[in-house]
């Protein structure tokens, strides 16, 4: 999973925001970093131009170019999102880190296209939203894994365990229920994330915490809680259609991506592909 950290770029300055986040993840996971560009032009010409841009950006990060940071340029196959998804599927040892801001007709990294990549792959994809400060990005300490009562959301738990173990970070299993004045017994809500946290701790042999929140606005509640921890990142399933579906629906997940000041790791359950 962490053998290669792959960063798709589309030529826009905004897309390069993901480079610094990817570099932080690669450092923590002891992985290499690979920049991916999809082109409808001559591959060799695009590679030469992008290598210069890549070295410039890496000098800003590290004070020097990074000859070990690889650059892959692939011809467009259908459209940009499809090409990125096919690349990810053919490299299962890779993790995508994508900016969700782009521009132009070929903007591979605008939110809608990033979401299409998530739909076409099983992930994980690290989404770098517009509120993320790349310079502050890290993958240590604590992180949130969101669940909502659906089986689809719970498929993120093994992923969260793997990331927690590899990165040395502690997961918080967090659910969002109805506002407290509408809930007759809060212990019922608390029992759900508590059970999942205990199961995850038993299987991973690592410390796991839990919390239940109460809000009509699950995206806002999750972000507020994660900021208070503070959490380095959040893990979420997307496009679920079962159970409570409080925040694994695509719209709420993308709300978190758009407004969170931290990266969001998106996971698409295979059975809802």
Protein backbone atom coordinates (compact mmCIF):
# COMPACT_ATOMS: atom_id res chain seq x y z
CA UNK A 1 0.00 0.00 0.00
CA UNK A 2 2.75 2.47 0.90
CA UNK A 3 5.41 1.27 -1.49
CA UNK A 4 4.77 4.17 -3.85
CA UNK A 5 3.06 7.49 -3.09
CA UNK A 6 1.66 8.67 -6.42
CA UNK A 7 0.73 12.33 -7.03
CA UNK A 8 -1.30 13.10 -10.17
CA UNK A 9 -0.65 16.64 -11.47
CA UNK A 10 -2.39 18.44 -14.31
CA UNK A 11 -0.06 21.33 -15.07
CA UNK A 12 -1.87 23.84 -12.85
CA UNK A 13 -0.14 25.41 -9.87
CA UNK A 14 -3.01 24.24 -7.67
CA UNK A 15 -2.40 20.60 -8.49
CA UNK A 16 1.15 20.85 -7.14
CA UNK A 17 -0.23 21.52 -3.63
CA UNK A 18 -0.45 17.76 -3.18
CA UNK A 19 3.31 17.35 -3.61
CA UNK A 20 4.14 18.51 -0.10
CA UNK A 21 1.42 16.37 1.46
CA UNK A 22 2.66 13.36 -0.50
CA UNK A 23 6.22 14.06 0.62
CA UNK A 24 5.11 14.07 4.26
CA UNK A 25 3.29 10.75 3.81
CA UNK A 26 6.22 9.20 1.94
CA UNK A 27 8.60 10.24 4.72
CA UNK A 28 6.41 8.83 7.48
CA UNK A 29 5.68 5.59 5.59
CA UNK A 30 9.27 5.18 4.32
CA UNK A 31 7.97 5.07 0.74
CA UNK A 32 9.08 6.64 -2.50
CA UNK A 33 7.19 9.40 -4.29
CA UNK A 34 6.07 9.31 -7.89
CA UNK A 35 4.53 12.18 -9.86
CA UNK A 36 1.97 11.13 -12.46
CA UNK A 37 0.89 13.24 -15.44
CA UNK A 38 -1.73 12.31 -18.01
CA UNK A 39 -1.17 13.94 -21.37
CA UNK A 40 -2.87 14.11 -24.75
CA UNK A 41 0.36 15.46 -26.26
CA UNK A 42 3.75 13.93 -27.01
CA UNK A 43 4.82 11.91 -23.97
CA UNK A 44 8.54 12.67 -24.20
CA UNK A 45 7.97 16.42 -24.57
CA UNK A 46 5.60 16.43 -21.60
CA UNK A 47 8.08 14.44 -19.51
CA UNK A 48 10.92 16.91 -20.15
CA UNK A 49 8.76 19.92 -19.27
CA UNK A 50 7.35 18.31 -16.12
CA UNK A 51 10.75 17.15 -14.88
CA UNK A 52 11.85 20.79 -14.80
CA UNK A 53 8.70 21.80 -12.91
CA UNK A 54 9.07 18.89 -10.51
CA UNK A 55 12.66 19.79 -9.66
CA UNK A 56 11.63 23.41 -9.08
CA UNK A 57 8.89 22.42 -6.65
CA UNK A 58 11.08 19.92 -4.84
CA UNK A 59 13.82 22.52 -4.42
CA UNK A 60 11.23 24.68 -2.64
CA UNK A 61 10.48 21.76 -0.30
CA UNK A 62 13.94 20.31 0.25
CA UNK A 63 16.35 22.96 -0.90
CA UNK A 64 17.49 20.76 -3.76
CA UNK A 65 16.10 18.62 -6.56
CA UNK A 66 15.10 15.06 -5.77
CA UNK A 67 16.58 12.69 -8.36
CA UNK A 68 14.97 9.70 -6.61
CA UNK A 69 11.48 11.18 -7.02
CA UNK A 70 10.24 9.54 -10.18
CA UNK A 71 8.09 11.06 -12.90
CA UNK A 72 5.64 9.05 -14.96
CA UNK A 73 3.89 10.49 -18.01
CA UNK A 74 1.14 8.38 -19.57
CA UNK A 75 -1.00 9.02 -22.64
CA UNK A 76 -4.65 9.79 -22.04
CA UNK A 77 -6.93 6.81 -22.43
CA UNK A 78 -10.48 8.10 -22.79
CA UNK A 79 -10.33 10.85 -20.18
CA UNK A 80 -8.02 11.92 -17.37
CA UNK A 81 -9.98 10.36 -14.51
CA UNK A 82 -10.24 7.00 -16.29
CA UNK A 83 -6.51 7.01 -17.06
CA UNK A 84 -5.58 7.78 -13.44
CA UNK A 85 -7.96 5.10 -12.19
CA UNK A 86 -6.51 2.51 -14.57
CA UNK A 87 -2.99 3.41 -13.45
CA UNK A 88 -4.01 3.01 -9.79
CA UNK A 89 -5.69 -0.33 -10.46
CA UNK A 90 -2.59 -1.65 -12.21
CA UNK A 91 -0.35 -0.52 -9.32
CA UNK A 92 -2.07 -1.84 -6.17
CA UNK A 93 1.03 -1.14 -4.10
CA UNK A 94 0.52 2.59 -4.67
CA UNK A 95 -1.43 5.24 -2.77
CA UNK A 96 -2.78 8.24 -4.67
CA UNK A 97 -2.47 11.73 -3.21
CA UNK A 98 -4.64 14.15 -5.17
CA UNK A 99 -5.31 17.84 -4.94
CA UNK A 100 -9.00 18.63 -5.34
CA UNK A 101 -8.34 21.95 -7.04
CA UNK A 102 -7.50 22.31 -10.72
CA UNK A 103 -8.35 24.34 -13.75
CA UNK A 104 -8.95 23.97 -17.44
CA UNK A 105 -10.62 21.26 -19.50
CA UNK A 106 -7.91 18.74 -18.63
CA UNK A 107 -7.91 19.59 -14.94
CA UNK A 108 -7.43 16.09 -13.55
CA UNK A 109 -7.76 17.20 -9.99
CA UNK A 110 -10.96 19.20 -9.60
CA UNK A 111 -13.27 17.73 -7.01
CA UNK A 112 -15.66 16.14 -9.47
CA UNK A 113 -12.86 14.32 -11.30
CA UNK A 114 -11.18 13.24 -8.07
CA UNK A 115 -14.54 11.83 -7.02
CA UNK A 116 -14.78 9.96 -10.32
CA UNK A 117 -11.37 8.43 -9.66
CA UNK A 118 -12.60 7.28 -6.24
CA UNK A 119 -15.68 5.72 -7.82
CA UNK A 120 -13.57 3.88 -10.37
CA UNK A 121 -11.05 2.48 -7.88
CA UNK A 122 -11.09 0.91 -4.46
CA UNK A 123 -8.67 3.51 -3.13
CA UNK A 124 -7.33 4.63 -0.87
CA UNK A 125 -6.98 8.15 -2.23
CA UNK A 126 -5.63 10.96 -0.07
CA UNK A 127 -7.68 14.02 -1.02
CA UNK A 128 -5.98 17.38 -0.42
CA UNK A 129 -8.79 19.91 -0.21
CA UNK A 130 -8.58 23.69 -0.65
CA UNK A 131 -8.42 24.35 3.12
CA UNK A 132 -5.38 22.13 3.69
CA UNK A 133 -2.12 23.89 4.45
CA UNK A 134 0.44 21.69 2.68
CA UNK A 135 3.24 23.01 4.87
CA UNK A 136 1.42 21.83 8.01
CA UNK A 137 0.49 18.39 6.68
CA UNK A 138 1.73 15.38 8.62
CA UNK A 139 0.60 11.82 9.26
CA UNK A 140 1.54 11.32 12.90
CA UNK A 141 -0.31 11.46 16.20
CA UNK A 142 -4.04 10.80 15.94
CA UNK A 143 -6.58 10.48 13.16
CA UNK A 144 -10.34 9.99 12.77
CA UNK A 145 -12.08 7.11 11.02
CA UNK A 146 -15.75 7.95 10.38
CA UNK A 147 -18.49 5.31 10.68
CA UNK A 148 -22.26 5.68 10.43
CA UNK A 149 -23.89 2.34 11.05
CA UNK A 150 -23.57 1.09 7.49
CA UNK A 151 -21.46 -1.88 6.47
CA UNK A 152 -19.90 0.29 3.77
CA UNK A 153 -18.52 2.76 6.31
CA UNK A 154 -17.14 -0.05 8.45
CA UNK A 155 -15.07 -1.38 5.54
CA UNK A 156 -12.71 1.52 6.30
CA UNK A 157 -11.77 0.02 9.67
CA UNK A 158 -9.16 -2.48 8.36
CA UNK A 159 -7.68 0.33 6.27
CA UNK A 160 -7.55 2.58 9.34
CA UNK A 161 -5.85 -0.17 11.32
CA UNK A 162 -3.22 -0.66 8.63
CA UNK A 163 -2.53 3.07 8.38
CA UNK A 164 -2.39 3.43 12.15
CA UNK A 165 0.13 0.60 12.50
CA UNK A 166 2.32 1.69 9.58
CA UNK A 167 2.32 5.38 10.47
CA UNK A 168 2.40 4.94 14.24
CA UNK A 169 -0.81 6.95 14.58
CA UNK A 170 -3.79 6.30 16.86
CA UNK A 171 -7.27 6.00 15.29
CA UNK A 172 -10.46 7.44 16.75
CA UNK A 173 -13.64 5.66 15.64
CA UNK A 174 -16.23 8.43 15.41
CA UNK A 175 -19.96 8.26 14.68
CA UNK A 176 -22.40 11.16 14.30
CA UNK A 177 -25.91 10.69 15.67
CA UNK A 178 -28.99 12.86 15.89
CA UNK A 179 -28.90 15.92 18.18
CA UNK A 180 -29.00 14.89 21.83
CA UNK A 181 -32.45 16.38 22.52
CA UNK A 182 -33.91 13.91 20.01
CA UNK A 183 -32.12 10.89 21.49
CA UNK A 184 -33.74 9.05 24.40
CA UNK A 185 -30.68 6.99 25.32
CA UNK A 186 -27.22 8.27 24.42
CA UNK A 187 -25.64 4.98 25.55
CA UNK A 188 -27.18 3.29 22.50
CA UNK A 189 -25.30 5.65 20.21
CA UNK A 190 -22.08 5.33 22.22
CA UNK A 191 -22.23 1.54 22.19
CA UNK A 192 -21.79 1.42 18.43
CA UNK A 193 -18.40 3.20 18.03
CA UNK A 194 -17.28 1.69 21.33
CA UNK A 195 -17.86 -1.83 20.01
CA UNK A 196 -16.05 -1.09 16.75
CA UNK A 197 -13.11 0.48 18.59
CA UNK A 198 -12.75 -2.57 20.85
CA UNK A 199 -12.89 -4.93 17.89
CA UNK A 200 -10.33 -2.86 15.99
CA UNK A 201 -8.03 -2.74 19.00
CA UNK A 202 -8.31 -6.51 19.48
CA UNK A 203 -7.40 -7.25 15.85
CA UNK A 204 -4.69 -4.60 15.45
CA UNK A 205 -3.18 -4.88 18.95
CA UNK A 206 -2.90 -1.10 18.99
CA UNK A 207 -4.67 1.56 21.02
CA UNK A 208 -7.98 2.75 19.54
CA UNK A 209 -10.28 5.46 20.92
CA UNK A 210 -13.91 6.26 20.10
CA UNK A 211 -16.43 9.10 20.26
CA UNK A 212 -20.04 9.75 19.32
CA UNK A 213 -21.09 13.20 18.19
CA UNK A 214 -24.60 14.68 17.90
CA UNK A 215 -25.40 17.05 15.08
CA UNK A 216 -27.67 17.73 12.11
CA UNK A 217 -24.50 18.61 10.19
CA UNK A 218 -22.21 15.55 10.25
CA UNK A 219 -19.48 17.05 8.05
CA UNK A 220 -19.16 20.10 10.27
CA UNK A 221 -19.24 17.99 13.45
CA UNK A 222 -16.54 15.65 12.20
CA UNK A 223 -14.26 18.50 11.16
CA UNK A 224 -14.72 20.33 14.49
CA UNK A 225 -13.96 17.20 16.48
CA UNK A 226 -10.91 16.35 14.38
CA UNK A 227 -9.55 19.88 14.76
CA UNK A 228 -9.92 19.72 18.54
CA UNK A 229 -7.90 16.48 18.86
CA UNK A 230 -6.02 17.65 16.72
CA UNK A 231 -6.17 14.94 14.04
CA UNK A 232 -3.58 14.64 11.30
CA UNK A 233 -6.08 13.22 8.80
CA UNK A 234 -9.46 11.51 8.46
CA UNK A 235 -10.45 8.19 6.89
CA UNK A 236 -13.88 7.97 5.23
CA UNK A 237 -15.75 5.57 2.98
CA UNK A 238 -17.76 7.15 0.23
CA UNK A 239 -20.84 6.43 -1.88
CA UNK A 240 -22.48 4.07 0.57
CA UNK A 241 -26.17 3.41 0.06
CA UNK A 242 -27.01 1.32 3.12
CA UNK A 243 -27.68 1.76 6.82
CA UNK A 244 -27.92 5.24 8.32
CA UNK A 245 -25.69 6.66 5.57
CA UNK A 246 -25.13 9.76 7.68
CA UNK A 247 -21.81 10.72 6.20
CA UNK A 248 -20.51 8.07 3.86
CA UNK A 249 -22.74 9.47 1.13
CA UNK A 250 -20.72 11.21 -1.55
CA UNK A 251 -22.08 14.68 -0.84
CA UNK A 252 -21.19 14.70 2.86
CA UNK A 253 -17.80 13.13 2.27
CA UNK A 254 -16.95 15.76 -0.32
CA UNK A 255 -18.16 18.46 2.10
CA UNK A 256 -15.51 17.22 4.53
CA UNK A 257 -12.89 17.25 1.77
CA UNK A 258 -13.81 20.79 0.75
CA UNK A 259 -13.75 22.26 4.26
CA UNK A 260 -11.29 20.15 6.28
CA UNK A 261 -7.89 21.69 7.10
CA UNK A 262 -6.36 18.20 6.93
CA UNK A 263 -6.13 15.51 4.23
CA UNK A 264 -9.00 13.04 3.90
CA UNK A 265 -8.27 9.41 3.01
CA UNK A 266 -11.12 8.21 0.79
CA UNK A 267 -12.02 4.55 0.51
CA UNK A 268 -14.58 3.14 -1.91
CA UNK A 269 -16.05 -0.18 -0.75
CA UNK A 270 -15.79 -2.74 -3.57
CA UNK A 271 -19.43 -3.83 -3.31
CA UNK A 272 -20.72 -0.31 -4.06
CA UNK A 273 -18.41 0.26 -6.97
